[in-house]
Amino acid sequence: MSITARLSEKNTEFQKDWEDSKHEKQFKLSCKLVELRKQLNMTQQKFANHIGMKQPYLSRLENGEIDISLKKLEDIAKKLGGRIHIDIEIEENSLTRQ
């Protein structure tokens, strides 16, 4: 079972808050951070130390209480030996021709 499913299963109010598309991307990012930390078998404190941030800040990120900048996300990925992939999708009918 994915981290997203487990978090949603544990707290249905949490799930309702994140179902709205405005928060969906932040929710997925929060789940990804938790997933990475768990794959590394690290506590929040150990993971926070490893990526150079304070544990309370990491907790707030994982809980979706604060947004993360692209720069900070890139720094985390680099410290983990990874990289960020960005994809932009534009629906054809949303483009206006001039």
Protein backbone atom coordinates (compact mmCIF):
# COMPACT_ATOMS: atom_id res chain seq x y z
CA MET A 1 0.00 0.00 0.00
CA SER A 2 1.36 3.44 -0.92
CA ILE A 3 2.16 6.15 1.61
CA THR A 4 -0.64 8.27 0.12
CA ALA A 5 -3.17 5.50 0.65
CA ARG A 6 -1.98 4.84 4.20
CA LEU A 7 -2.12 8.52 5.16
CA SER A 8 -5.58 8.88 3.65
CA GLU A 9 -6.82 5.68 5.27
CA LYS A 10 -5.65 6.77 8.71
CA ASN A 11 -7.30 10.17 8.52
CA THR A 12 -10.29 10.67 6.23
CA GLU A 13 -10.47 14.38 7.05
CA PHE A 14 -6.86 14.67 5.90
CA GLN A 15 -7.84 12.97 2.65
CA LYS A 16 -10.80 15.31 2.09
CA ASP A 17 -8.57 18.36 2.56
CA TRP A 18 -6.14 17.08 -0.06
CA GLU A 19 -8.68 15.91 -2.64
CA ASP A 20 -9.19 19.44 -3.83
CA SER A 21 -6.91 20.06 -6.83
CA LYS A 22 -5.40 23.16 -5.24
CA HIS A 23 -3.72 20.97 -2.63
CA GLU A 24 -3.23 17.78 -4.61
CA LYS A 25 0.32 18.51 -5.76
CA GLN A 26 1.45 19.52 -2.28
CA PHE A 27 -0.11 16.33 -0.90
CA LYS A 28 1.76 14.21 -3.45
CA LEU A 29 5.01 16.00 -2.65
CA SER A 30 4.47 15.52 1.08
CA CYS A 31 3.84 11.81 0.52
CA LYS A 32 6.96 11.55 -1.64
CA LEU A 33 9.10 13.03 1.13
CA VAL A 34 7.68 10.55 3.64
CA GLU A 35 8.19 7.72 1.16
CA LEU A 36 11.83 8.67 0.53
CA ARG A 37 12.52 8.94 4.25
CA LYS A 38 10.94 5.56 4.94
CA GLN A 39 12.82 3.92 2.04
CA LEU A 40 16.01 5.13 3.70
CA ASN A 41 14.72 3.75 7.02
CA MET A 42 15.31 7.08 8.75
CA THR A 43 13.49 8.91 11.49
CA GLN A 44 12.44 12.47 10.78
CA GLN A 45 15.35 13.69 12.90
CA LYS A 46 17.94 11.60 11.08
CA PHE A 47 16.50 12.46 7.65
CA ALA A 48 16.35 16.17 8.54
CA ASN A 49 19.99 16.10 9.62
CA HIS A 50 20.94 14.25 6.43
CA ILE A 51 19.31 16.84 4.15
CA GLY A 52 20.35 19.84 6.23
CA MET A 53 17.12 21.04 7.77
CA LYS A 54 15.52 21.09 11.18
CA GLN A 55 13.15 18.28 12.14
CA PRO A 56 10.16 20.56 12.91
CA TYR A 57 10.46 22.07 9.40
CA LEU A 58 10.58 18.58 7.84
CA SER A 59 7.53 17.58 9.89
CA ARG A 60 5.61 20.60 8.59
CA LEU A 61 6.63 19.72 5.02
CA GLU A 62 5.56 16.10 5.44
CA ASN A 63 2.23 17.20 6.89
CA GLY A 64 1.62 19.66 4.06
CA GLU A 65 1.50 22.61 6.42
CA ILE A 66 3.98 24.62 4.35
CA ASP A 67 4.91 24.82 0.70
CA ILE A 68 8.41 24.03 -0.44
CA SER A 69 10.33 26.07 -2.98
CA LEU A 70 11.78 24.45 -6.07
CA LYS A 71 15.25 25.50 -4.88
CA LYS A 72 14.79 23.74 -1.53
CA LEU A 73 13.43 20.65 -3.28
CA GLU A 74 16.43 20.59 -5.62
CA ASP A 75 18.77 20.90 -2.61
CA ILE A 76 17.09 17.92 -0.94
CA ALA A 77 17.27 15.83 -4.10
CA LYS A 78 20.95 16.69 -4.56
CA LYS A 79 21.78 15.72 -0.96
CA LEU A 80 20.03 12.39 -1.56
CA GLY A 81 21.99 11.84 -4.77
CA GLY A 82 18.91 12.40 -6.93
CA ARG A 83 17.43 15.05 -9.17
CA ILE A 84 14.07 16.69 -9.86
CA HIS A 85 12.04 16.04 -12.99
CA ILE A 86 9.49 18.64 -14.06
CA ASP A 87 6.78 18.05 -16.59
CA ILE A 88 4.35 20.66 -17.87
CA GLU A 89 1.21 19.54 -19.65
CA ILE A 90 -0.92 22.00 -21.56
CA GLU A 91 -4.20 20.95 -23.01
CA GLU A 92 -4.38 21.82 -26.67
CA ASN A 93 -7.79 23.49 -26.44
CA SER A 94 -6.56 25.83 -23.68
CA LEU A 95 -4.06 27.53 -25.98
CA THR A 96 -5.26 30.63 -27.73
CA ARG A 97 -3.87 31.41 -31.12
CA GLN A 98 -2.97 34.98 -31.88
